[in-house]
Amino acid sequence: MWTIVRLTVLETWRKRLLPATVLMTAAFFALFWFLLRAMHDSIPPSYVQSSTTALFGMGIGSQYLGLFFVYFLIAFFSIFSMVGAVSGEVEQGLLAAIIPRPIRRYEVILGKWAGFAFVQAVFVTIVLFGLMAEVHQWFSTVPIVTTYSVQAWMLFVLEAWVISAATLCGSTFFPAVANGVVVAILFGAAFLAGSAEQIVAMAPQHVAGFLYAGVVTNLILPSDGLYRRALHVIGGPLAAAFGGFAGPFGAAQPPSSALVVYAVFYLAAVLALAVWRFERRDL
């Protein structure tokens, strides 16, 4: 299986997936840096000296804005890295040449996922802490590495692993293009339901259906719930004092820690389903 892991990591470079992602991520960092600079320069110097707490709130707010884009970067990287992991190679006849060798089918599935999971963990680390370093440069009251930011990092990594596992599982059922469409729609639906849940959180007695929709979509694909949970923990108690930044991009009503436990079991179940399906698929 470790051979599959190593080849999968190398494949991200061979297919130009990793270089393209690094290039676009660098462009995002550059644009976000100029945005932070503009936000910082718009603050009157007297206001900065007299209101450190408010400055911290602005820094946390800009961090939340950046994390929204990080959320999508992670999701799209996870989807496109795995969209044709099985179906694409079956269509090209690559797996038919590998499977007759002394390699079991479950090793192919788990090896592919583990290889991409390693790359994803490195990617999330660079993107998340790179963003926080930029925020700290312009809003020094917002720290880079804390216990809370490490917890958020773990949640973002789990989000990437969940999405990639769901995409890999879909690749054992659907062709590459159809699989990409299905997972992207599920991801978008989860985000929309989560955004609606945050908007109507202040009046749940009138729009309980939106809250239920958020719960259901998190059960189908818990990506949005992990994102909201990460927003809730990353700033620590000081950020919580600002009310969780209510709105479609915030986490005024974050999921409980039970969602994290569910996401771990979801990850294992989806990988098991992918193995089961691949064991029965004709090559």
C-alpha atoms as a PDB file:
ATOM      1  CA  MET A   1       0.000   0.000   0.000  1.00  0.00           C
ATOM      2  CA  TRP A   2       2.864   2.379   0.718  1.00  0.00           C
ATOM      3  CA  THR A   3       3.909   2.155  -2.915  1.00  0.00           C
ATOM      4  CA  ILE A   4       0.460   3.444  -3.904  1.00  0.00           C
ATOM      5  CA  VAL A   5       0.797   6.245  -1.325  1.00  0.00           C
ATOM      6  CA  ARG A   6       4.147   7.324  -2.748  1.00  0.00           C
ATOM      7  CA  LEU A   7       2.949   7.159  -6.360  1.00  0.00           C
ATOM      8  CA  THR A   8      -0.173   9.147  -5.465  1.00  0.00           C
ATOM      9  CA  VAL A   9       1.897  11.934  -3.913  1.00  0.00           C
ATOM     10  CA  LEU A  10       4.099  12.030  -7.020  1.00  0.00           C
ATOM     11  CA  GLU A  11       1.005  12.027  -9.208  1.00  0.00           C
ATOM     12  CA  THR A  12      -0.104  15.394  -7.831  1.00  0.00           C
ATOM     13  CA  TRP A  13       3.070  16.863  -9.296  1.00  0.00           C
ATOM     14  CA  ARG A  14       3.015  14.881 -12.540  1.00  0.00           C
ATOM     15  CA  LYS A  15      -0.517  16.030 -13.345  1.00  0.00           C
ATOM     16  CA  ARG A  16       0.450  19.653 -12.569  1.00  0.00           C
ATOM     17  CA  LEU A  17      -2.227  19.713  -9.857  1.00  0.00           C
ATOM     18  CA  LEU A  18       0.128  20.769  -7.072  1.00  0.00           C
ATOM     19  CA  PRO A  19       2.045  23.432  -9.065  1.00  0.00           C
ATOM     20  CA  ALA A  20      -1.213  24.980 -10.307  1.00  0.00           C
ATOM     21  CA  THR A  21      -2.643  25.001  -6.787  1.00  0.00           C
ATOM     22  CA  VAL A  22       0.509  26.587  -5.360  1.00  0.00           C
ATOM     23  CA  LEU A  23       0.429  29.287  -8.041  1.00  0.00           C
ATOM     24  CA  MET A  24      -3.207  30.175  -7.436  1.00  0.00           C
ATOM     25  CA  THR A  25      -2.715  30.102  -3.657  1.00  0.00           C
ATOM     26  CA  ALA A  26       0.180  32.546  -4.004  1.00  0.00           C
ATOM     27  CA  ALA A  27      -2.105  34.839  -6.015  1.00  0.00           C
ATOM     28  CA  PHE A  28      -4.710  34.613  -3.245  1.00  0.00           C
ATOM     29  CA  PHE A  29      -2.117  35.523  -0.598  1.00  0.00           C
ATOM     30  CA  ALA A  30      -1.026  38.540  -2.647  1.00  0.00           C
ATOM     31  CA  LEU A  31      -4.575  39.826  -3.096  1.00  0.00           C
ATOM     32  CA  PHE A  32      -5.421  39.235   0.563  1.00  0.00           C
ATOM     33  CA  TRP A  33      -2.269  41.078   1.651  1.00  0.00           C
ATOM     34  CA  PHE A  34      -3.324  44.180  -0.302  1.00  0.00           C
ATOM     35  CA  LEU A  35      -6.854  43.894   1.134  1.00  0.00           C
ATOM     36  CA  LEU A  36      -5.486  43.781   4.687  1.00  0.00           C
ATOM     37  CA  ARG A  37      -3.228  46.734   3.953  1.00  0.00           C
ATOM     38  CA  ALA A  38      -6.174  48.762   2.670  1.00  0.00           C
ATOM     39  CA  MET A  39      -8.244  47.875   5.732  1.00  0.00           C
ATOM     40  CA  HIS A  40      -5.412  48.797   8.093  1.00  0.00           C
ATOM     41  CA  ASP A  41      -4.607  52.086   6.352  1.00  0.00           C
ATOM     42  CA  SER A  42      -8.257  53.128   6.504  1.00  0.00           C
ATOM     43  CA  ILE A  43      -8.161  53.160  10.325  1.00  0.00           C
ATOM     44  CA  PRO A  44      -7.361  56.571  11.867  1.00  0.00           C
ATOM     45  CA  PRO A  45      -4.161  56.456  13.991  1.00  0.00           C
ATOM     46  CA  SER A  46      -5.979  57.949  16.995  1.00  0.00           C
ATOM     47  CA  TYR A  47      -8.540  55.131  16.818  1.00  0.00           C
ATOM     48  CA  VAL A  48      -5.786  52.500  16.794  1.00  0.00           C
ATOM     49  CA  GLN A  49      -4.182  53.975  19.909  1.00  0.00           C
ATOM     50  CA  SER A  50      -7.436  54.355  21.844  1.00  0.00           C
ATOM     51  CA  SER A  51      -9.233  51.104  21.038  1.00  0.00           C
ATOM     52  CA  THR A  52      -7.076  47.985  21.062  1.00  0.00           C
ATOM     53  CA  THR A  53     -10.103  45.748  21.564  1.00  0.00           C
ATOM     54  CA  ALA A  54     -11.879  47.146  18.532  1.00  0.00           C
ATOM     55  CA  LEU A  55      -8.685  46.727  16.493  1.00  0.00           C
ATOM     56  CA  PHE A  56      -8.565  43.089  17.561  1.00  0.00           C
ATOM     57  CA  GLY A  57     -12.169  42.717  16.441  1.00  0.00           C
ATOM     58  CA  MET A  58     -11.335  44.154  13.021  1.00  0.00           C
ATOM     59  CA  GLY A  59      -8.375  41.782  12.735  1.00  0.00           C
ATOM     60  CA  ILE A  60     -10.538  38.800  13.648  1.00  0.00           C
ATOM     61  CA  GLY A  61     -13.157  39.962  11.163  1.00  0.00           C
ATOM     62  CA  SER A  62     -10.600  40.133   8.344  1.00  0.00           C
ATOM     63  CA  GLN A  63      -9.338  36.717   9.395  1.00  0.00           C
ATOM     64  CA  TYR A  64     -12.877  35.340   9.122  1.00  0.00           C
ATOM     65  CA  LEU A  65     -13.136  36.815   5.621  1.00  0.00           C
ATOM     66  CA  GLY A  66      -9.899  35.121   4.604  1.00  0.00           C
ATOM     67  CA  LEU A  67     -10.956  31.812   6.143  1.00  0.00           C
ATOM     68  CA  PHE A  68     -14.079  31.853   3.978  1.00  0.00           C
ATOM     69  CA  PHE A  69     -11.873  31.764   0.884  1.00  0.00           C
ATOM     70  CA  VAL A  70      -9.568  29.203   2.506  1.00  0.00           C
ATOM     71  CA  TYR A  71     -12.637  27.023   3.034  1.00  0.00           C
ATOM     72  CA  PHE A  72     -13.340  27.037  -0.696  1.00  0.00           C
ATOM     73  CA  LEU A  73      -9.667  26.596  -1.639  1.00  0.00           C
ATOM     74  CA  ILE A  74      -9.487  23.472   0.493  1.00  0.00           C
ATOM     75  CA  ALA A  75     -12.761  22.115  -0.863  1.00  0.00           C
ATOM     76  CA  PHE A  76     -11.935  22.629  -4.535  1.00  0.00           C
ATOM     77  CA  PHE A  77      -8.429  21.238  -4.097  1.00  0.00           C
ATOM     78  CA  SER A  78      -9.883  18.164  -2.379  1.00  0.00           C
ATOM     79  CA  ILE A  79     -12.559  17.625  -5.042  1.00  0.00           C
ATOM     80  CA  PHE A  80     -10.398  18.075  -8.118  1.00  0.00           C
ATOM     81  CA  SER A  81      -7.536  16.026  -6.707  1.00  0.00           C
ATOM     82  CA  MET A  82      -9.764  12.961  -6.323  1.00  0.00           C
ATOM     83  CA  VAL A  83     -12.497  13.439  -8.919  1.00  0.00           C
ATOM     84  CA  GLY A  84     -11.100  10.819 -11.308  1.00  0.00           C
ATOM     85  CA  ALA A  85      -8.950   8.828  -8.913  1.00  0.00           C
ATOM     86  CA  VAL A  86     -10.695   5.543  -9.774  1.00  0.00           C
ATOM     87  CA  SER A  87     -13.039   6.098 -12.711  1.00  0.00           C
ATOM     88  CA  GLY A  88     -10.458   8.062 -14.700  1.00  0.00           C
ATOM     89  CA  GLU A  89      -7.801   5.384 -14.328  1.00  0.00           C
ATOM     90  CA  VAL A  90     -10.304   2.626 -15.106  1.00  0.00           C
ATOM     91  CA  GLU A  91     -11.218   4.399 -18.346  1.00  0.00           C
ATOM     92  CA  GLN A  92      -7.520   4.721 -19.234  1.00  0.00           C
ATOM     93  CA  GLY A  93      -6.857   1.067 -18.395  1.00  0.00           C
ATOM     94  CA  LEU A  94      -4.216   1.897 -15.777  1.00  0.00           C
ATOM     95  CA  LEU A  95      -5.817  -0.022 -12.916  1.00  0.00           C
ATOM     96  CA  ALA A  96      -6.311  -3.100 -15.100  1.00  0.00           C
ATOM     97  CA  ALA A  97      -2.532  -3.265 -15.421  1.00  0.00           C
ATOM     98  CA  ILE A  98      -1.890  -2.762 -11.699  1.00  0.00           C
ATOM     99  CA  ILE A  99      -4.500  -4.984 -10.051  1.00  0.00           C
ATOM    100  CA  PRO A 100      -3.247  -8.362 -11.445  1.00  0.00           C
ATOM    101  CA  ARG A 101      -0.020  -7.793  -9.543  1.00  0.00           C
ATOM    102  CA  PRO A 102       0.180  -8.736  -5.840  1.00  0.00           C
ATOM    103  CA  ILE A 103      -1.738  -5.609  -4.800  1.00  0.00           C
ATOM    104  CA  ARG A 104      -5.138  -5.936  -3.185  1.00  0.00           C
ATOM    105  CA  ARG A 105      -7.916  -3.657  -4.242  1.00  0.00           C
ATOM    106  CA  TYR A 106      -8.436  -2.156  -0.796  1.00  0.00           C
ATOM    107  CA  GLU A 107      -4.755  -1.171  -0.807  1.00  0.00           C
ATOM    108  CA  VAL A 108      -5.330   0.836  -3.977  1.00  0.00           C
ATOM    109  CA  ILE A 109      -8.246   2.762  -2.460  1.00  0.00           C
ATOM    110  CA  LEU A 110      -6.661   3.397   0.929  1.00  0.00           C
ATOM    111  CA  GLY A 111      -3.265   4.125  -0.626  1.00  0.00           C
ATOM    112  CA  LYS A 112      -4.729   6.727  -2.972  1.00  0.00           C
ATOM    113  CA  TRP A 113      -6.652   8.391  -0.191  1.00  0.00           C
ATOM    114  CA  ALA A 114      -3.695   8.357   2.226  1.00  0.00           C
ATOM    115  CA  GLY A 115      -1.383   9.878  -0.396  1.00  0.00           C
ATOM    116  CA  PHE A 116      -3.762  12.735  -1.132  1.00  0.00           C
ATOM    117  CA  ALA A 117      -4.513  13.118   2.589  1.00  0.00           C
ATOM    118  CA  PHE A 118      -0.829  13.801   3.235  1.00  0.00           C
ATOM    119  CA  VAL A 119      -0.691  16.410   0.466  1.00  0.00           C
ATOM    120  CA  GLN A 120      -3.905  17.983   1.751  1.00  0.00           C
ATOM    121  CA  ALA A 121      -2.576  18.238   5.304  1.00  0.00           C
ATOM    122  CA  VAL A 122       0.518  20.069   4.042  1.00  0.00           C
ATOM    123  CA  PHE A 123      -1.627  22.341   1.866  1.00  0.00           C
ATOM    124  CA  VAL A 124      -4.004  23.216   4.715  1.00  0.00           C
ATOM    125  CA  THR A 125      -1.064  23.983   7.006  1.00  0.00           C
ATOM    126  CA  ILE A 126       0.516  26.375   4.519  1.00  0.00           C
ATOM    127  CA  VAL A 127      -2.735  28.117   3.586  1.00  0.00           C
ATOM    128  CA  LEU A 128      -4.162  28.469   7.088  1.00  0.00           C
ATOM    129  CA  PHE A 129      -1.078  29.647   8.950  1.00  0.00           C
ATOM    130  CA  GLY A 130       0.078  31.713   5.966  1.00  0.00           C
ATOM    131  CA  LEU A 131      -3.210  33.596   6.114  1.00  0.00           C
ATOM    132  CA  MET A 132      -2.931  34.060   9.869  1.00  0.00           C
ATOM    133  CA  ALA A 133       0.624  35.353   9.471  1.00  0.00           C
ATOM    134  CA  GLU A 134      -0.639  37.998   7.028  1.00  0.00           C
ATOM    135  CA  VAL A 135      -3.399  39.024   9.418  1.00  0.00           C
ATOM    136  CA  HIS A 136      -0.856  39.258  12.259  1.00  0.00           C
ATOM    137  CA  GLN A 137       1.397  41.474  10.135  1.00  0.00           C
ATOM    138  CA  TRP A 138      -1.271  44.170   9.886  1.00  0.00           C
ATOM    139  CA  PHE A 139      -3.216  43.445  13.092  1.00  0.00           C
ATOM    140  CA  SER A 140      -0.570  42.394  15.585  1.00  0.00           C
ATOM    141  CA  THR A 141      -3.134  41.804  18.352  1.00  0.00           C
ATOM    142  CA  VAL A 142      -4.293  38.690  16.468  1.00  0.00           C
ATOM    143  CA  PRO A 143      -1.807  35.863  17.212  1.00  0.00           C
ATOM    144  CA  ILE A 144      -0.622  33.333  14.631  1.00  0.00           C
ATOM    145  CA  VAL A 145      -0.252  30.079  16.546  1.00  0.00           C
ATOM    146  CA  THR A 146      -2.382  29.366  19.594  1.00  0.00           C
ATOM    147  CA  THR A 147      -4.150  26.366  21.042  1.00  0.00           C
ATOM    148  CA  TYR A 148      -7.288  27.548  19.304  1.00  0.00           C
ATOM    149  CA  SER A 149      -5.663  27.970  15.894  1.00  0.00           C
ATOM    150  CA  VAL A 150      -4.234  24.445  16.143  1.00  0.00           C
ATOM    151  CA  GLN A 151      -7.718  23.121  16.903  1.00  0.00           C
ATOM    152  CA  ALA A 152      -9.052  24.994  13.865  1.00  0.00           C
ATOM    153  CA  TRP A 153      -6.230  23.536  11.761  1.00  0.00           C
ATOM    154  CA  MET A 154      -7.283  20.036  12.777  1.00  0.00           C
ATOM    155  CA  LEU A 155     -10.874  20.804  11.773  1.00  0.00           C
ATOM    156  CA  PHE A 156      -9.839  22.169   8.381  1.00  0.00           C
ATOM    157  CA  VAL A 157      -7.671  19.101   7.775  1.00  0.00           C
ATOM    158  CA  LEU A 158     -10.595  16.858   8.718  1.00  0.00           C
ATOM    159  CA  GLU A 159     -12.795  18.845   6.339  1.00  0.00           C
ATOM    160  CA  ALA A 160     -10.325  18.220   3.495  1.00  0.00           C
ATOM    161  CA  TRP A 161     -10.125  14.515   4.322  1.00  0.00           C
ATOM    162  CA  VAL A 162     -13.909  14.160   4.458  1.00  0.00           C
ATOM    163  CA  ILE A 163     -14.406  15.856   1.089  1.00  0.00           C
ATOM    164  CA  SER A 164     -11.627  13.858  -0.568  1.00  0.00           C
ATOM    165  CA  ALA A 165     -13.002  10.587   0.843  1.00  0.00           C
ATOM    166  CA  ALA A 166     -16.492  11.432  -0.440  1.00  0.00           C
ATOM    167  CA  THR A 167     -15.034  12.316  -3.856  1.00  0.00           C
ATOM    168  CA  LEU A 168     -12.988   9.109  -3.935  1.00  0.00           C
ATOM    169  CA  CYS A 169     -16.074   7.092  -3.036  1.00  0.00           C
ATOM    170  CA  GLY A 170     -18.042   8.823  -5.777  1.00  0.00           C
ATOM    171  CA  SER A 171     -15.263   7.978  -8.229  1.00  0.00           C
ATOM    172  CA  THR A 172     -15.972   4.283  -7.705  1.00  0.00           C
ATOM    173  CA  PHE A 173     -19.604   4.843  -8.770  1.00  0.00           C
ATOM    174  CA  PHE A 174     -19.559   7.639 -11.388  1.00  0.00           C
ATOM    175  CA  PRO A 175     -17.372   8.850 -14.274  1.00  0.00           C
ATOM    176  CA  ALA A 176     -15.004  11.678 -13.423  1.00  0.00           C
ATOM    177  CA  VAL A 177     -17.110  14.576 -14.734  1.00  0.00           C
ATOM    178  CA  ALA A 178     -20.359  13.297 -13.220  1.00  0.00           C
ATOM    179  CA  ASN A 179     -18.594  12.660  -9.924  1.00  0.00           C
ATOM    180  CA  GLY A 180     -17.228  16.199  -9.842  1.00  0.00           C
ATOM    181  CA  VAL A 181     -20.680  17.628 -10.493  1.00  0.00           C
ATOM    182  CA  VAL A 182     -22.305  15.498  -7.775  1.00  0.00           C
ATOM    183  CA  VAL A 183     -19.750  16.314  -5.071  1.00  0.00           C
ATOM    184  CA  ALA A 184     -19.624  20.012  -6.004  1.00  0.00           C
ATOM    185  CA  ILE A 185     -23.425  20.235  -5.766  1.00  0.00           C
ATOM    186  CA  LEU A 186     -23.410  18.480  -2.393  1.00  0.00           C
ATOM    187  CA  PHE A 187     -20.702  20.845  -1.168  1.00  0.00           C
ATOM    188  CA  GLY A 188     -22.599  23.890  -2.427  1.00  0.00           C
ATOM    189  CA  ALA A 189     -25.863  22.684  -0.916  1.00  0.00           C
ATOM    190  CA  ALA A 190     -24.153  22.128   2.442  1.00  0.00           C
ATOM    191  CA  PHE A 191     -22.730  25.654   2.358  1.00  0.00           C
ATOM    192  CA  LEU A 192     -26.054  27.251   1.395  1.00  0.00           C
ATOM    193  CA  ALA A 193     -27.920  25.347   4.106  1.00  0.00           C
ATOM    194  CA  GLY A 194     -25.270  26.294   6.654  1.00  0.00           C
ATOM    195  CA  SER A 195     -25.434  29.946   5.607  1.00  0.00           C
ATOM    196  CA  ALA A 196     -29.222  29.970   5.883  1.00  0.00           C
ATOM    197  CA  GLU A 197     -28.934  28.372   9.317  1.00  0.00           C
ATOM    198  CA  GLN A 198     -26.635  31.175  10.483  1.00  0.00           C
ATOM    199  CA  ILE A 199     -28.915  33.886   9.084  1.00  0.00           C
ATOM    200  CA  VAL A 200     -32.076  32.586  10.737  1.00  0.00           C
ATOM    201  CA  ALA A 201     -30.405  31.505  13.979  1.00  0.00           C
ATOM    202  CA  MET A 202     -31.872  34.514  15.770  1.00  0.00           C
ATOM    203  CA  ALA A 203     -35.468  33.458  15.007  1.00  0.00           C
ATOM    204  CA  PRO A 204     -35.547  29.641  14.877  1.00  0.00           C
ATOM    205  CA  GLN A 205     -39.222  29.440  15.893  1.00  0.00           C
ATOM    206  CA  HIS A 206     -40.234  31.005  12.585  1.00  0.00           C
ATOM    207  CA  VAL A 207     -37.899  29.178  10.196  1.00  0.00           C
ATOM    208  CA  ALA A 208     -37.146  25.840  11.815  1.00  0.00           C
ATOM    209  CA  GLY A 209     -37.037  24.221   8.365  1.00  0.00           C
ATOM    210  CA  PHE A 210     -33.768  26.020   7.564  1.00  0.00           C
ATOM    211  CA  LEU A 211     -32.228  24.696  10.765  1.00  0.00           C
ATOM    212  CA  TYR A 212     -33.302  21.164   9.900  1.00  0.00           C
ATOM    213  CA  ALA A 213     -31.884  21.608   6.388  1.00  0.00           C
ATOM    214  CA  GLY A 214     -28.519  22.476   7.915  1.00  0.00           C
ATOM    215  CA  VAL A 215     -28.588  19.354  10.064  1.00  0.00           C
ATOM    216  CA  VAL A 216     -29.550  17.114   7.133  1.00  0.00           C
ATOM    217  CA  THR A 217     -26.855  18.478   4.806  1.00  0.00           C
ATOM    218  CA  ASN A 218     -24.236  18.045   7.527  1.00  0.00           C
ATOM    219  CA  LEU A 219     -25.256  14.412   7.795  1.00  0.00           C
ATOM    220  CA  ILE A 220     -24.844  13.966   4.022  1.00  0.00           C
ATOM    221  CA  LEU A 221     -21.565  15.931   3.826  1.00  0.00           C
ATOM    222  CA  PRO A 222     -20.304  17.504   7.075  1.00  0.00           C
ATOM    223  CA  SER A 223     -17.931  19.932   5.346  1.00  0.00           C
ATOM    224  CA  ASP A 224     -19.817  23.114   6.216  1.00  0.00           C
ATOM    225  CA  GLY A 225     -20.318  22.068   9.832  1.00  0.00           C
ATOM    226  CA  LEU A 226     -16.561  21.533  10.248  1.00  0.00           C
ATOM    227  CA  TYR A 227     -15.913  24.946   8.708  1.00  0.00           C
ATOM    228  CA  ARG A 228     -18.345  26.672  11.102  1.00  0.00           C
ATOM    229  CA  ARG A 229     -16.852  24.789  14.028  1.00  0.00           C
ATOM    230  CA  ALA A 230     -13.354  25.926  12.993  1.00  0.00           C
ATOM    231  CA  LEU A 231     -14.545  29.547  12.862  1.00  0.00           C
ATOM    232  CA  HIS A 232     -15.986  29.139  16.338  1.00  0.00           C
ATOM    233  CA  VAL A 233     -12.772  27.881  17.939  1.00  0.00           C
ATOM    234  CA  ILE A 234     -10.037  29.731  16.032  1.00  0.00           C
ATOM    235  CA  GLY A 235     -10.341  33.058  17.817  1.00  0.00           C
ATOM    236  CA  GLY A 236     -10.771  31.654  21.299  1.00  0.00           C
ATOM    237  CA  PRO A 237     -12.812  33.314  24.070  1.00  0.00           C
ATOM    238  CA  LEU A 238     -11.904  36.859  22.946  1.00  0.00           C
ATOM    239  CA  ALA A 239     -13.380  36.300  19.481  1.00  0.00           C
ATOM    240  CA  ALA A 240     -16.492  34.764  21.039  1.00  0.00           C
ATOM    241  CA  ALA A 241     -17.068  38.081  22.813  1.00  0.00           C
ATOM    242  CA  PHE A 242     -17.840  39.619  19.421  1.00  0.00           C
ATOM    243  CA  GLY A 243     -20.859  37.366  18.989  1.00  0.00           C
ATOM    244  CA  GLY A 244     -19.426  34.856  16.554  1.00  0.00           C
ATOM    245  CA  PHE A 245     -19.822  37.312  13.666  1.00  0.00           C
ATOM    246  CA  ALA A 246     -23.409  36.565  12.742  1.00  0.00           C
ATOM    247  CA  GLY A 247     -24.196  36.244   9.064  1.00  0.00           C
ATOM    248  CA  PRO A 248     -23.864  33.761   6.223  1.00  0.00           C
ATOM    249  CA  PHE A 249     -20.070  33.606   6.534  1.00  0.00           C
ATOM    250  CA  GLY A 250     -19.936  33.478  10.332  1.00  0.00           C
ATOM    251  CA  ALA A 251     -20.531  31.030  13.114  1.00  0.00           C
ATOM    252  CA  ALA A 252     -23.015  32.702  15.442  1.00  0.00           C
ATOM    253  CA  GLN A 253     -24.620  29.277  15.934  1.00  0.00           C
ATOM    254  CA  PRO A 254     -21.747  26.781  15.569  1.00  0.00           C
ATOM    255  CA  PRO A 255     -22.250  23.011  15.490  1.00  0.00           C
ATOM    256  CA  SER A 256     -21.469  21.095  18.653  1.00  0.00           C
ATOM    257  CA  SER A 257     -18.383  18.951  19.116  1.00  0.00           C
ATOM    258  CA  ALA A 258     -20.579  15.917  18.365  1.00  0.00           C
ATOM    259  CA  LEU A 259     -20.313  16.852  14.678  1.00  0.00           C
ATOM    260  CA  VAL A 260     -16.558  16.297  14.830  1.00  0.00           C
ATOM    261  CA  VAL A 261     -17.092  12.791  16.184  1.00  0.00           C
ATOM    262  CA  TYR A 262     -19.678  12.150  13.472  1.00  0.00           C
ATOM    263  CA  ALA A 263     -17.252  13.415  10.787  1.00  0.00           C
ATOM    264  CA  VAL A 264     -14.616  10.903  11.904  1.00  0.00           C
ATOM    265  CA  PHE A 265     -17.095   8.031  11.665  1.00  0.00           C
ATOM    266  CA  TYR A 266     -18.377   9.461   8.370  1.00  0.00           C
ATOM    267  CA  LEU A 267     -14.833   9.418   6.993  1.00  0.00           C
ATOM    268  CA  ALA A 268     -14.333   5.765   7.970  1.00  0.00           C
ATOM    269  CA  ALA A 269     -17.742   4.744   6.605  1.00  0.00           C
ATOM    270  CA  VAL A 270     -17.228   6.486   3.249  1.00  0.00           C
ATOM    271  CA  LEU A 271     -13.807   4.881   2.800  1.00  0.00           C
ATOM    272  CA  ALA A 272     -15.305   1.480   3.672  1.00  0.00           C
ATOM    273  CA  LEU A 273     -18.035   2.038   1.076  1.00  0.00           C
ATOM    274  CA  ALA A 274     -15.411   2.974  -1.515  1.00  0.00           C
ATOM    275  CA  VAL A 275     -13.473  -0.213  -0.785  1.00  0.00           C
ATOM    276  CA  TRP A 276     -16.656  -2.315  -0.961  1.00  0.00           C
ATOM    277  CA  ARG A 277     -17.675  -0.800  -4.284  1.00  0.00           C
ATOM    278  CA  PHE A 278     -14.204  -1.087  -5.831  1.00  0.00           C
ATOM    279  CA  GLU A 279     -13.949  -4.742  -4.808  1.00  0.00           C
ATOM    280  CA  ARG A 280     -17.054  -5.432  -6.929  1.00  0.00           C
ATOM    281  CA  ARG A 281     -16.311  -3.159  -9.873  1.00  0.00           C
ATOM    282  CA  ASP A 282     -15.247  -4.487 -13.267  1.00  0.00           C
ATOM    283  CA  LEU A 283     -12.012  -3.033 -14.572  1.00  0.00           C
END
